[in-house]
């Protein structure tokens, strides 16, 4: 998106699945993660530049992506996003853990999710 232009819904060109993770007790008494998909929504995803990544690590964060989606009241930083990059046909699905979230100051109808890729 170019500077000086407000973001529109048409700029949300990617798609992410919002997943909640619950812990369930298995028959052996252990804990297992049970993911469930809350919703699949349009998004704009940007990888942080090298400079931004270094700055983020300097303050103790490992953020690697900024994901913008429409405002929702049901998304928490305990959730994950599943994303297959739209224009990278060799890419596999990525799991992004949400490490922070806030309202986009330029577009209050959007929320920004700071995410790191889980490998």
PDB file of N, CA and C in Angstrom:
ATOM      1  N   UNK A   1       0.826  -1.169   0.000  1.00  0.00           N
ATOM      2  CA  UNK A   1       0.000   0.000   0.000  1.00  0.00           C
ATOM      3  C   UNK A   1       0.871   1.233   0.000  1.00  0.00           C
ATOM      4  N   UNK A   2       0.562   2.200  -0.829  1.00  0.00           N
ATOM      5  CA  UNK A   2       1.374   3.401  -0.915  1.00  0.00           C
ATOM      6  C   UNK A   2       1.047   4.348   0.234  1.00  0.00           C
ATOM      7  N   UNK A   3       2.039   5.196   0.590  1.00  0.00           N
ATOM      8  CA  UNK A   3       1.829   6.169   1.658  1.00  0.00           C
ATOM      9  C   UNK A   3       0.860   7.232   1.189  1.00  0.00           C
ATOM     10  N   UNK A   4       0.101   7.754   2.109  1.00  0.00           N
ATOM     11  CA  UNK A   4      -0.823   8.816   1.801  1.00  0.00           C
ATOM     12  C   UNK A   4      -2.201   8.323   1.374  1.00  0.00           C
ATOM     13  N   UNK A   5      -2.371   7.056   1.130  1.00  0.00           N
ATOM     14  CA  UNK A   5      -3.656   6.505   0.723  1.00  0.00           C
ATOM     15  C   UNK A   5      -4.190   5.640   1.845  1.00  0.00           C
ATOM     16  N   UNK A   6      -5.432   5.886   2.211  1.00  0.00           N
ATOM     17  CA  UNK A   6      -6.053   5.062   3.256  1.00  0.00           C
ATOM     18  C   UNK A   6      -6.314   3.656   2.719  1.00  0.00           C
ATOM     19  N   UNK A   7      -6.160   2.708   3.586  1.00  0.00           N
ATOM     20  CA  UNK A   7      -6.400   1.320   3.218  1.00  0.00           C
ATOM     21  C   UNK A   7      -7.890   1.075   3.052  1.00  0.00           C
ATOM     22  N   UNK A   8      -8.245   0.249   2.076  1.00  0.00           N
ATOM     23  CA  UNK A   8      -9.637  -0.129   1.857  1.00  0.00           C
ATOM     24  C   UNK A   8      -9.769  -1.642   1.996  1.00  0.00           C
ATOM     25  N   UNK A   9     -10.997  -2.122   2.026  1.00  0.00           N
ATOM     26  CA  UNK A   9     -11.235  -3.569   2.135  1.00  0.00           C
ATOM     27  C   UNK A   9     -10.593  -4.316   0.970  1.00  0.00           C
ATOM     28  N   UNK A  10     -10.453  -3.663  -0.193  1.00  0.00           N
ATOM     29  CA  UNK A  10      -9.825  -4.295  -1.347  1.00  0.00           C
ATOM     30  C   UNK A  10      -8.347  -4.570  -1.162  1.00  0.00           C
ATOM     31  N   UNK A  11      -7.723  -3.962  -0.146  1.00  0.00           N
ATOM     32  CA  UNK A  11      -6.309  -4.199   0.141  1.00  0.00           C
ATOM     33  C   UNK A  11      -6.093  -5.480   0.951  1.00  0.00           C
ATOM     34  N   UNK A  12      -7.173  -6.085   1.414  1.00  0.00           N
ATOM     35  CA  UNK A  12      -7.076  -7.335   2.185  1.00  0.00           C
ATOM     36  C   UNK A  12      -7.082  -8.491   1.191  1.00  0.00           C
ATOM     37  N   UNK A  13      -5.921  -8.765   0.598  1.00  0.00           N
ATOM     38  CA  UNK A  13      -5.837  -9.708  -0.517  1.00  0.00           C
ATOM     39  C   UNK A  13      -5.452 -11.126  -0.113  1.00  0.00           C
ATOM     40  N   UNK A  14      -5.053 -11.325   1.115  1.00  0.00           N
ATOM     41  CA  UNK A  14      -4.700 -12.659   1.604  1.00  0.00           C
ATOM     42  C   UNK A  14      -5.874 -13.216   2.398  1.00  0.00           C
ATOM     43  N   UNK A  15      -5.760 -14.471   2.785  1.00  0.00           N
ATOM     44  CA  UNK A  15      -6.789 -15.116   3.581  1.00  0.00           C
ATOM     45  C   UNK A  15      -6.114 -15.882   4.716  1.00  0.00           C
ATOM     46  N   UNK A  16      -6.616 -15.700   5.941  1.00  0.00           N
ATOM     47  CA  UNK A  16      -6.064 -16.425   7.087  1.00  0.00           C
ATOM     48  C   UNK A  16      -7.191 -17.109   7.852  1.00  0.00           C
ATOM     49  N   UNK A  17      -6.889 -18.260   8.384  1.00  0.00           N
ATOM     50  CA  UNK A  17      -7.822 -18.967   9.267  1.00  0.00           C
ATOM     51  C   UNK A  17      -7.419 -18.640  10.697  1.00  0.00           C
ATOM     52  N   UNK A  18      -8.377 -18.175  11.481  1.00  0.00           N
ATOM     53  CA  UNK A  18      -8.133 -17.876  12.895  1.00  0.00           C
ATOM     54  C   UNK A  18      -8.443 -19.141  13.679  1.00  0.00           C
ATOM     55  N   UNK A  19      -7.443 -19.613  14.424  1.00  0.00           N
ATOM     56  CA  UNK A  19      -7.604 -20.878  15.154  1.00  0.00           C
ATOM     57  C   UNK A  19      -7.449 -20.663  16.636  1.00  0.00           C
ATOM     58  N   UNK A  20      -8.357 -21.237  17.386  1.00  0.00           N
ATOM     59  CA  UNK A  20      -8.224 -21.250  18.842  1.00  0.00           C
ATOM     60  C   UNK A  20      -7.654 -22.608  19.229  1.00  0.00           C
ATOM     61  N   UNK A  21      -6.932 -22.623  20.316  1.00  0.00           N
ATOM     62  CA  UNK A  21      -6.286 -23.848  20.772  1.00  0.00           C
ATOM     63  C   UNK A  21      -6.791 -24.153  22.182  1.00  0.00           C
ATOM     64  N   UNK A  22      -7.371 -25.317  22.357  1.00  0.00           N
ATOM     65  CA  UNK A  22      -7.822 -25.757  23.680  1.00  0.00           C
ATOM     66  C   UNK A  22      -6.986 -26.959  24.093  1.00  0.00           C
ATOM     67  N   UNK A  23      -6.753 -27.089  25.375  1.00  0.00           N
ATOM     68  CA  UNK A  23      -6.045 -28.259  25.889  1.00  0.00           C
ATOM     69  C   UNK A  23      -7.078 -29.292  26.324  1.00  0.00           C
ATOM     70  N   UNK A  24      -6.911 -30.504  25.842  1.00  0.00           N
ATOM     71  CA  UNK A  24      -7.812 -31.600  26.201  1.00  0.00           C
ATOM     72  C   UNK A  24      -6.992 -32.696  26.875  1.00  0.00           C
ATOM     73  N   UNK A  25      -7.587 -33.355  27.831  1.00  0.00           N
ATOM     74  CA  UNK A  25      -6.918 -34.458  28.518  1.00  0.00           C
ATOM     75  C   UNK A  25      -7.190 -35.742  27.743  1.00  0.00           C
ATOM     76  N   UNK A  26      -6.102 -36.452  27.413  1.00  0.00           N
ATOM     77  CA  UNK A  26      -6.272 -37.698  26.667  1.00  0.00           C
ATOM     78  C   UNK A  26      -6.495 -38.864  27.630  1.00  0.00           C
ATOM     79  N   UNK A  27      -6.684 -40.060  27.084  1.00  0.00           N
ATOM     80  CA  UNK A  27      -7.004 -41.236  27.905  1.00  0.00           C
ATOM     81  C   UNK A  27      -5.853 -41.647  28.824  1.00  0.00           C
ATOM     82  N   UNK A  28      -4.650 -41.177  28.535  1.00  0.00           N
ATOM     83  CA  UNK A  28      -3.491 -41.493  29.365  1.00  0.00           C
ATOM     84  C   UNK A  28      -3.295 -40.467  30.480  1.00  0.00           C
ATOM     85  N   UNK A  29      -4.136 -39.418  30.502  1.00  0.00           N
ATOM     86  CA  UNK A  29      -4.008 -38.378  31.516  1.00  0.00           C
ATOM     87  C   UNK A  29      -3.137 -37.215  31.073  1.00  0.00           C
ATOM     88  N   UNK A  30      -2.601 -37.289  29.863  1.00  0.00           N
ATOM     89  CA  UNK A  30      -1.768 -36.203  29.345  1.00  0.00           C
ATOM     90  C   UNK A  30      -2.603 -35.124  28.696  1.00  0.00           C
ATOM     91  N   UNK A  31      -1.955 -34.041  28.358  1.00  0.00           N
ATOM     92  CA  UNK A  31      -2.628 -32.910  27.724  1.00  0.00           C
ATOM     93  C   UNK A  31      -2.275 -32.887  26.238  1.00  0.00           C
ATOM     94  N   UNK A  32      -3.275 -32.634  25.409  1.00  0.00           N
ATOM     95  CA  UNK A  32      -3.070 -32.527  23.968  1.00  0.00           C
ATOM     96  C   UNK A  32      -3.788 -31.271  23.471  1.00  0.00           C
ATOM     97  N   UNK A  33      -3.139 -30.587  22.519  1.00  0.00           N
ATOM     98  CA  UNK A  33      -3.764 -29.409  21.929  1.00  0.00           C
ATOM     99  C   UNK A  33      -4.868 -29.820  20.968  1.00  0.00           C
ATOM    100  N   UNK A  34      -6.001 -29.166  21.061  1.00  0.00           N
ATOM    101  CA  UNK A  34      -7.116 -29.409  20.160  1.00  0.00           C
ATOM    102  C   UNK A  34      -7.458 -28.097  19.468  1.00  0.00           C
ATOM    103  N   UNK A  35      -6.999 -27.929  18.220  1.00  0.00           N
ATOM    104  CA  UNK A  35      -7.291 -26.678  17.521  1.00  0.00           C
ATOM    105  C   UNK A  35      -8.678 -26.700  16.888  1.00  0.00           C
ATOM    106  N   UNK A  36      -9.284 -25.525  16.814  1.00  0.00           N
ATOM    107  CA  UNK A  36     -10.545 -25.397  16.093  1.00  0.00           C
ATOM    108  C   UNK A  36     -10.525 -24.056  15.354  1.00  0.00           C
ATOM    109  N   UNK A  37     -11.089 -24.056  14.148  1.00  0.00           N
ATOM    110  CA  UNK A  37     -11.094 -22.849  13.336  1.00  0.00           C
ATOM    111  C   UNK A  37     -12.280 -21.985  13.721  1.00  0.00           C
ATOM    112  N   UNK A  38     -11.984 -20.766  14.151  1.00  0.00           N
ATOM    113  CA  UNK A  38     -13.014 -19.804  14.518  1.00  0.00           C
ATOM    114  C   UNK A  38     -13.635 -19.196  13.260  1.00  0.00           C
ATOM    115  N   UNK A  39     -12.782 -18.810  12.300  1.00  0.00           N
ATOM    116  CA  UNK A  39     -13.260 -18.169  11.086  1.00  0.00           C
ATOM    117  C   UNK A  39     -12.095 -18.062  10.105  1.00  0.00           C
ATOM    118  N   UNK A  40     -12.417 -17.899   8.833  1.00  0.00           N
ATOM    119  CA  UNK A  40     -11.427 -17.587   7.807  1.00  0.00           C
ATOM    120  C   UNK A  40     -11.769 -16.205   7.285  1.00  0.00           C
ATOM    121  N   UNK A  41     -10.776 -15.288   7.325  1.00  0.00           N
ATOM    122  CA  UNK A  41     -11.045 -13.884   7.034  1.00  0.00           C
ATOM    123  C   UNK A  41     -10.017 -13.321   6.051  1.00  0.00           C
ATOM    124  N   UNK A  42     -10.397 -12.252   5.326  1.00  0.00           N
ATOM    125  CA  UNK A  42      -9.435 -11.572   4.467  1.00  0.00           C
ATOM    126  C   UNK A  42      -8.423 -10.805   5.324  1.00  0.00           C
ATOM    127  N   UNK A  43      -7.198 -10.690   4.815  1.00  0.00           N
ATOM    128  CA  UNK A  43      -6.134 -10.037   5.578  1.00  0.00           C
ATOM    129  C   UNK A  43      -5.113  -9.391   4.653  1.00  0.00           C
ATOM    130  N   UNK A  44      -4.358  -8.481   5.222  1.00  0.00           N
ATOM    131  CA  UNK A  44      -3.160  -7.958   4.564  1.00  0.00           C
ATOM    132  C   UNK A  44      -1.998  -8.392   5.437  1.00  0.00           C
ATOM    133  N   UNK A  45      -0.984  -9.012   4.828  1.00  0.00           N
ATOM    134  CA  UNK A  45       0.140  -9.540   5.591  1.00  0.00           C
ATOM    135  C   UNK A  45       1.418  -8.949   5.046  1.00  0.00           C
ATOM    136  N   UNK A  46       2.255  -8.437   5.952  1.00  0.00           N
ATOM    137  CA  UNK A  46       3.531  -7.850   5.558  1.00  0.00           C
ATOM    138  C   UNK A  46       4.626  -8.417   6.451  1.00  0.00           C
ATOM    139  N   UNK A  47       5.685  -8.903   5.817  1.00  0.00           N
ATOM    140  CA  UNK A  47       6.855  -9.340   6.576  1.00  0.00           C
ATOM    141  C   UNK A  47       7.598  -8.095   7.026  1.00  0.00           C
ATOM    142  N   UNK A  48       8.095  -8.116   8.252  1.00  0.00           N
ATOM    143  CA  UNK A  48       8.860  -6.980   8.732  1.00  0.00           C
ATOM    144  C   UNK A  48      10.205  -6.924   8.022  1.00  0.00           C
ATOM    145  N   UNK A  49      10.691  -5.742   7.788  1.00  0.00           N
ATOM    146  CA  UNK A  49      12.005  -5.575   7.173  1.00  0.00           C
ATOM    147  C   UNK A  49      13.082  -6.047   8.140  1.00  0.00           C
ATOM    148  N   UNK A  50      14.277  -6.255   7.649  1.00  0.00           N
ATOM    149  CA  UNK A  50      15.384  -6.680   8.504  1.00  0.00           C
ATOM    150  C   UNK A  50      15.603  -5.672   9.621  1.00  0.00           C
ATOM    151  N   UNK A  51      15.549  -4.385   9.299  1.00  0.00           N
ATOM    152  CA  UNK A  51      15.752  -3.349  10.314  1.00  0.00           C
ATOM    153  C   UNK A  51      14.666  -3.433  11.388  1.00  0.00           C
ATOM    154  N   UNK A  52      13.425  -3.612  10.970  1.00  0.00           N
ATOM    155  CA  UNK A  52      12.322  -3.709  11.934  1.00  0.00           C
ATOM    156  C   UNK A  52      12.457  -4.968  12.785  1.00  0.00           C
ATOM    157  N   UNK A  53      12.887  -6.073  12.174  1.00  0.00           N
ATOM    158  CA  UNK A  53      13.086  -7.307  12.951  1.00  0.00           C
ATOM    159  C   UNK A  53      14.163  -7.114  14.003  1.00  0.00           C
ATOM    160  N   UNK A  54      15.286  -6.470  13.625  1.00  0.00           N
ATOM    161  CA  UNK A  54      16.358  -6.223  14.587  1.00  0.00           C
ATOM    162  C   UNK A  54      15.883  -5.318  15.710  1.00  0.00           C
ATOM    163  N   UNK A  55      15.120  -4.294  15.381  1.00  0.00           N
ATOM    164  CA  UNK A  55      14.588  -3.389  16.403  1.00  0.00           C
ATOM    165  C   UNK A  55      13.641  -4.136  17.336  1.00  0.00           C
ATOM    166  N   UNK A  56      12.798  -4.996  16.788  1.00  0.00           N
ATOM    167  CA  UNK A  56      11.859  -5.762  17.609  1.00  0.00           C
ATOM    168  C   UNK A  56      12.599  -6.682  18.559  1.00  0.00           C
ATOM    169  N   UNK A  57      13.634  -7.336  18.072  1.00  0.00           N
ATOM    170  CA  UNK A  57      14.400  -8.244  18.930  1.00  0.00           C
ATOM    171  C   UNK A  57      15.129  -7.472  20.027  1.00  0.00           C
ATOM    172  N   UNK A  58      15.498  -6.230  19.731  1.00  0.00           N
ATOM    173  CA  UNK A  58      16.200  -5.418  20.718  1.00  0.00           C
ATOM    174  C   UNK A  58      15.321  -5.152  21.938  1.00  0.00           C
ATOM    175  N   UNK A  59      14.010  -5.160  21.761  1.00  0.00           N
ATOM    176  CA  UNK A  59      13.112  -4.954  22.893  1.00  0.00           C
ATOM    177  C   UNK A  59      12.506  -6.265  23.379  1.00  0.00           C
ATOM    178  N   UNK A  60      13.021  -7.378  22.923  1.00  0.00           N
ATOM    179  CA  UNK A  60      12.613  -8.669  23.441  1.00  0.00           C
ATOM    180  C   UNK A  60      11.522  -9.385  22.677  1.00  0.00           C
ATOM    181  N   UNK A  61      11.148  -8.915  21.496  1.00  0.00           N
ATOM    182  CA  UNK A  61      10.102  -9.586  20.724  1.00  0.00           C
ATOM    183  C   UNK A  61      10.710 -10.260  19.498  1.00  0.00           C
ATOM    184  N   UNK A  62      10.048 -11.288  18.986  1.00  0.00           N
ATOM    185  CA  UNK A  62      10.506 -11.989  17.789  1.00  0.00           C
ATOM    186  C   UNK A  62       9.479 -11.867  16.674  1.00  0.00           C
ATOM    187  N   UNK A  63       8.839 -10.737  16.556  1.00  0.00           N
ATOM    188  CA  UNK A  63       7.778 -10.535  15.577  1.00  0.00           C
ATOM    189  C   UNK A  63       8.348 -10.593  14.175  1.00  0.00           C
ATOM    190  N   UNK A  64       7.686 -11.349  13.283  1.00  0.00           N
ATOM    191  CA  UNK A  64       8.160 -11.415  11.906  1.00  0.00           C
ATOM    192  C   UNK A  64       7.116 -10.986  10.886  1.00  0.00           C
ATOM    193  N   UNK A  65       5.841 -10.882  11.260  1.00  0.00           N
ATOM    194  CA  UNK A  65       4.789 -10.464  10.341  1.00  0.00           C
ATOM    195  C   UNK A  65       3.825  -9.511  11.043  1.00  0.00           C
ATOM    196  N   UNK A  66       3.290  -8.574  10.262  1.00  0.00           N
ATOM    197  CA  UNK A  66       2.164  -7.760  10.705  1.00  0.00           C
ATOM    198  C   UNK A  66       0.972  -8.175   9.860  1.00  0.00           C
ATOM    199  N   UNK A  67      -0.101  -8.562  10.506  1.00  0.00           N
ATOM    200  CA  UNK A  67      -1.307  -9.024   9.820  1.00  0.00           C
ATOM    201  C   UNK A  67      -2.436  -8.061  10.167  1.00  0.00           C
ATOM    202  N   UNK A  68      -3.083  -7.504   9.138  1.00  0.00           N
ATOM    203  CA  UNK A  68      -4.224  -6.611   9.355  1.00  0.00           C
ATOM    204  C   UNK A  68      -5.499  -7.321   8.925  1.00  0.00           C
ATOM    205  N   UNK A  69      -6.478  -7.306   9.835  1.00  0.00           N
ATOM    206  CA  UNK A  69      -7.798  -7.872   9.545  1.00  0.00           C
ATOM    207  C   UNK A  69      -8.855  -6.881  10.042  1.00  0.00           C
ATOM    208  N   UNK A  70     -10.101  -7.091   9.637  1.00  0.00           N
ATOM    209  CA  UNK A  70     -11.184  -6.252  10.155  1.00  0.00           C
ATOM    210  C   UNK A  70     -11.311  -6.459  11.661  1.00  0.00           C
ATOM    211  N   UNK A  71     -11.705  -5.396  12.361  1.00  0.00           N
ATOM    212  CA  UNK A  71     -11.855  -5.466  13.821  1.00  0.00           C
ATOM    213  C   UNK A  71     -12.774  -6.611  14.220  1.00  0.00           C
ATOM    214  N   UNK A  72     -12.376  -7.331  15.252  1.00  0.00           N
ATOM    215  CA  UNK A  72     -13.172  -8.422  15.823  1.00  0.00           C
ATOM    216  C   UNK A  72     -12.990  -8.377  17.324  1.00  0.00           C
ATOM    217  N   UNK A  73     -14.013  -8.757  18.053  1.00  0.00           N
ATOM    218  CA  UNK A  73     -13.921  -8.793  19.501  1.00  0.00           C
ATOM    219  C   UNK A  73     -13.539 -10.150  20.054  1.00  0.00           C
ATOM    220  N   UNK A  74     -13.456 -11.158  19.181  1.00  0.00           N
ATOM    221  CA  UNK A  74     -13.229 -12.520  19.653  1.00  0.00           C
ATOM    222  C   UNK A  74     -11.822 -13.057  19.391  1.00  0.00           C
ATOM    223  N   UNK A  75     -10.911 -12.208  18.937  1.00  0.00           N
ATOM    224  CA  UNK A  75      -9.536 -12.648  18.675  1.00  0.00           C
ATOM    225  C   UNK A  75      -8.675 -12.289  19.878  1.00  0.00           C
ATOM    226  N   UNK A  76      -7.869 -13.266  20.340  1.00  0.00           N
ATOM    227  CA  UNK A  76      -6.972 -13.034  21.475  1.00  0.00           C
ATOM    228  C   UNK A  76      -5.550 -13.407  21.080  1.00  0.00           C
ATOM    229  N   UNK A  77      -4.615 -13.013  21.925  1.00  0.00           N
ATOM    230  CA  UNK A  77      -3.216 -13.342  21.654  1.00  0.00           C
ATOM    231  C   UNK A  77      -2.883 -14.798  21.989  1.00  0.00           C
ATOM    232  N   UNK A  78      -3.877 -15.581  22.369  1.00  0.00           N
ATOM    233  CA  UNK A  78      -3.684 -17.024  22.603  1.00  0.00           C
ATOM    234  C   UNK A  78      -4.007 -17.835  21.355  1.00  0.00           C
ATOM    235  N   UNK A  79      -4.408 -17.154  20.292  1.00  0.00           N
ATOM    236  CA  UNK A  79      -4.819 -17.829  19.058  1.00  0.00           C
ATOM    237  C   UNK A  79      -3.677 -17.871  18.061  1.00  0.00           C
ATOM    238  N   UNK A  80      -3.894 -18.612  16.996  1.00  0.00           N
ATOM    239  CA  UNK A  80      -2.924 -18.728  15.899  1.00  0.00           C
ATOM    240  C   UNK A  80      -3.629 -18.452  14.586  1.00  0.00           C
ATOM    241  N   UNK A  81      -2.843 -18.102  13.593  1.00  0.00           N
ATOM    242  CA  UNK A  81      -3.360 -17.908  12.243  1.00  0.00           C
ATOM    243  C   UNK A  81      -2.728 -18.945  11.332  1.00  0.00           C
ATOM    244  N   UNK A  82      -3.501 -19.505  10.429  1.00  0.00           N
ATOM    245  CA  UNK A  82      -2.968 -20.385   9.387  1.00  0.00           C
ATOM    246  C   UNK A  82      -3.039 -19.601   8.081  1.00  0.00           C
ATOM    247  N   UNK A  83      -1.916 -19.551   7.371  1.00  0.00           N
ATOM    248  CA  UNK A  83      -1.827 -18.720   6.171  1.00  0.00           C
ATOM    249  C   UNK A  83      -1.008 -19.435   5.100  1.00  0.00           C
ATOM    250  N   UNK A  84      -1.565 -19.510   3.904  1.00  0.00           N
ATOM    251  CA  UNK A  84      -0.825 -19.965   2.738  1.00  0.00           C
ATOM    252  C   UNK A  84      -0.647 -18.748   1.840  1.00  0.00           C
ATOM    253  N   UNK A  85       0.599 -18.272   1.658  1.00  0.00           N
ATOM    254  CA  UNK A  85       0.815 -17.078   0.849  1.00  0.00           C
ATOM    255  C   UNK A  85       0.189 -17.226  -0.541  1.00  0.00           C
ATOM    256  N   UNK A  86      -0.570 -16.225  -0.921  1.00  0.00           N
ATOM    257  CA  UNK A  86      -1.353 -16.272  -2.154  1.00  0.00           C
ATOM    258  C   UNK A  86      -0.500 -16.306  -3.416  1.00  0.00           C
ATOM    259  N   UNK A  87       0.591 -15.541  -3.435  1.00  0.00           N
ATOM    260  CA  UNK A  87       1.367 -15.411  -4.664  1.00  0.00           C
ATOM    261  C   UNK A  87       2.650 -16.232  -4.674  1.00  0.00           C
ATOM    262  N   UNK A  88       2.830 -17.091  -3.683  1.00  0.00           N
ATOM    263  CA  UNK A  88       4.011 -17.947  -3.632  1.00  0.00           C
ATOM    264  C   UNK A  88       3.529 -19.383  -3.758  1.00  0.00           C
ATOM    265  N   UNK A  89       3.455 -19.869  -4.995  1.00  0.00           N
ATOM    266  CA  UNK A  89       2.846 -21.171  -5.253  1.00  0.00           C
ATOM    267  C   UNK A  89       3.654 -22.344  -4.712  1.00  0.00           C
ATOM    268  N   UNK A  90       4.931 -22.110  -4.367  1.00  0.00           N
ATOM    269  CA  UNK A  90       5.733 -23.189  -3.797  1.00  0.00           C
ATOM    270  C   UNK A  90       5.640 -23.209  -2.268  1.00  0.00           C
ATOM    271  N   UNK A  91       4.996 -22.208  -1.715  1.00  0.00           N
ATOM    272  CA  UNK A  91       4.942 -22.093  -0.252  1.00  0.00           C
ATOM    273  C   UNK A  91       3.958 -23.088   0.350  1.00  0.00           C
ATOM    274  N   UNK A  92       4.291 -23.510   1.516  1.00  0.00           N
ATOM    275  CA  UNK A  92       3.380 -24.347   2.283  1.00  0.00           C
ATOM    276  C   UNK A  92       2.668 -23.467   3.297  1.00  0.00           C
ATOM    277  N   UNK A  93       1.686 -24.008   3.943  1.00  0.00           N
ATOM    278  CA  UNK A  93       0.929 -23.262   4.931  1.00  0.00           C
ATOM    279  C   UNK A  93       1.827 -22.863   6.097  1.00  0.00           C
ATOM    280  N   UNK A  94       1.677 -21.642   6.554  1.00  0.00           N
ATOM    281  CA  UNK A  94       2.458 -21.132   7.674  1.00  0.00           C
ATOM    282  C   UNK A  94       1.549 -21.008   8.892  1.00  0.00           C
ATOM    283  N   UNK A  95       2.094 -21.314  10.054  1.00  0.00           N
ATOM    284  CA  UNK A  95       1.390 -21.109  11.309  1.00  0.00           C
ATOM    285  C   UNK A  95       1.986 -19.879  11.966  1.00  0.00           C
ATOM    286  N   UNK A  96       1.151 -18.882  12.217  1.00  0.00           N
ATOM    287  CA  UNK A  96       1.600 -17.636  12.821  1.00  0.00           C
ATOM    288  C   UNK A  96       0.998 -17.516  14.214  1.00  0.00           C
ATOM    289  N   UNK A  97       1.859 -17.340  15.207  1.00  0.00           N
ATOM    290  CA  UNK A  97       1.387 -17.148  16.574  1.00  0.00           C
ATOM    291  C   UNK A  97       1.220 -15.658  16.822  1.00  0.00           C
ATOM    292  N   UNK A  98       0.104 -15.280  17.395  1.00  0.00           N
ATOM    293  CA  UNK A  98      -0.166 -13.873  17.679  1.00  0.00           C
ATOM    294  C   UNK A  98       0.580 -13.483  18.954  1.00  0.00           C
ATOM    295  N   UNK A  99       1.449 -12.469  18.844  1.00  0.00           N
ATOM    296  CA  UNK A  99       2.208 -12.029  20.014  1.00  0.00           C
ATOM    297  C   UNK A  99       1.735 -10.676  20.532  1.00  0.00           C
ATOM    298  N   UNK A 100       0.948  -9.969  19.733  1.00  0.00           N
ATOM    299  CA  UNK A 100       0.417  -8.680  20.158  1.00  0.00           C
ATOM    300  C   UNK A 100      -0.673  -8.230  19.208  1.00  0.00           C
ATOM    301  N   UNK A 101      -1.508  -7.310  19.651  1.00  0.00           N
ATOM    302  CA  UNK A 101      -2.578  -6.818  18.798  1.00  0.00           C
ATOM    303  C   UNK A 101      -2.988  -5.426  19.239  1.00  0.00           C
ATOM    304  N   UNK A 102      -3.390  -4.622  18.254  1.00  0.00           N
ATOM    305  CA  UNK A 102      -3.830  -3.260  18.535  1.00  0.00           C
ATOM    306  C   UNK A 102      -4.663  -2.752  17.364  1.00  0.00           C
ATOM    307  N   UNK A 103      -5.379  -1.658  17.575  1.00  0.00           N
ATOM    308  CA  UNK A 103      -6.157  -1.032  16.518  1.00  0.00           C
ATOM    309  C   UNK A 103      -5.224  -0.243  15.617  1.00  0.00           C
ATOM    310  N   UNK A 104      -5.393  -0.365  14.312  1.00  0.00           N
ATOM    311  CA  UNK A 104      -4.593   0.389  13.350  1.00  0.00           C
ATOM    312  C   UNK A 104      -4.929   1.877  13.519  1.00  0.00           C
ATOM    313  N   UNK A 105      -3.948   2.711  13.859  1.00  0.00           N
ATOM    314  CA  UNK A 105      -4.255   4.120  14.092  1.00  0.00           C
ATOM    315  C   UNK A 105      -4.748   4.853  12.842  1.00  0.00           C
ATOM    316  N   UNK A 106      -4.359   4.403  11.646  1.00  0.00           N
ATOM    317  CA  UNK A 106      -4.779   5.063  10.408  1.00  0.00           C
ATOM    318  C   UNK A 106      -6.137   4.565   9.920  1.00  0.00           C
ATOM    319  N   UNK A 107      -6.525   3.384  10.325  1.00  0.00           N
ATOM    320  CA  UNK A 107      -7.783   2.767   9.889  1.00  0.00           C
ATOM    321  C   UNK A 107      -8.405   2.061  11.080  1.00  0.00           C
ATOM    322  N   UNK A 108      -9.229   2.751  11.842  1.00  0.00           N
ATOM    323  CA  UNK A 108      -9.741   2.193  13.089  1.00  0.00           C
ATOM    324  C   UNK A 108     -10.666   0.999  12.893  1.00  0.00           C
ATOM    325  N   UNK A 109     -11.070   0.700  11.669  1.00  0.00           N
ATOM    326  CA  UNK A 109     -11.892  -0.481  11.402  1.00  0.00           C
ATOM    327  C   UNK A 109     -11.022  -1.735  11.245  1.00  0.00           C
ATOM    328  N   UNK A 110      -9.692  -1.547  11.365  1.00  0.00           N
ATOM    329  CA  UNK A 110      -8.761  -2.672  11.253  1.00  0.00           C
ATOM    330  C   UNK A 110      -8.059  -2.929  12.578  1.00  0.00           C
ATOM    331  N   UNK A 111      -7.709  -4.183  12.798  1.00  0.00           N
ATOM    332  CA  UNK A 111      -6.834  -4.527  13.909  1.00  0.00           C
ATOM    333  C   UNK A 111      -5.540  -5.079  13.325  1.00  0.00           C
ATOM    334  N   UNK A 112      -4.437  -4.778  13.998  1.00  0.00           N
ATOM    335  CA  UNK A 112      -3.117  -5.231  13.590  1.00  0.00           C
ATOM    336  C   UNK A 112      -2.695  -6.334  14.531  1.00  0.00           C
ATOM    337  N   UNK A 113      -2.323  -7.465  13.979  1.00  0.00           N
ATOM    338  CA  UNK A 113      -1.839  -8.594  14.780  1.00  0.00           C
ATOM    339  C   UNK A 113      -0.346  -8.736  14.521  1.00  0.00           C
ATOM    340  N   UNK A 114       0.442  -8.626  15.567  1.00  0.00           N
ATOM    341  CA  UNK A 114       1.872  -8.876  15.459  1.00  0.00           C
ATOM    342  C   UNK A 114       2.056 -10.379  15.621  1.00  0.00           C
ATOM    343  N   UNK A 115       2.691 -10.996  14.644  1.00  0.00           N
ATOM    344  CA  UNK A 115       2.791 -12.460  14.642  1.00  0.00           C
ATOM    345  C   UNK A 115       4.213 -12.916  14.389  1.00  0.00           C
ATOM    346  N   UNK A 116       4.502 -14.108  14.848  1.00  0.00           N
ATOM    347  CA  UNK A 116       5.769 -14.761  14.525  1.00  0.00           C
ATOM    348  C   UNK A 116       5.451 -16.145  13.969  1.00  0.00           C
ATOM    349  N   UNK A 117       6.254 -16.530  13.004  1.00  0.00           N
ATOM    350  CA  UNK A 117       6.024 -17.830  12.377  1.00  0.00           C
ATOM    351  C   UNK A 117       6.498 -18.936  13.287  1.00  0.00           C
ATOM    352  N   UNK A 118       5.663 -19.962  13.411  1.00  0.00           N
ATOM    353  CA  UNK A 118       6.008 -21.135  14.214  1.00  0.00           C
ATOM    354  C   UNK A 118       6.499 -22.216  13.257  1.00  0.00           C
ATOM    355  N   UNK A 119       7.685 -22.716  13.516  1.00  0.00           N
ATOM    356  CA  UNK A 119       8.239 -23.750  12.638  1.00  0.00           C
ATOM    357  C   UNK A 119       8.190 -25.103  13.282  1.00  0.00           C
TER     358      UNK A 119
END
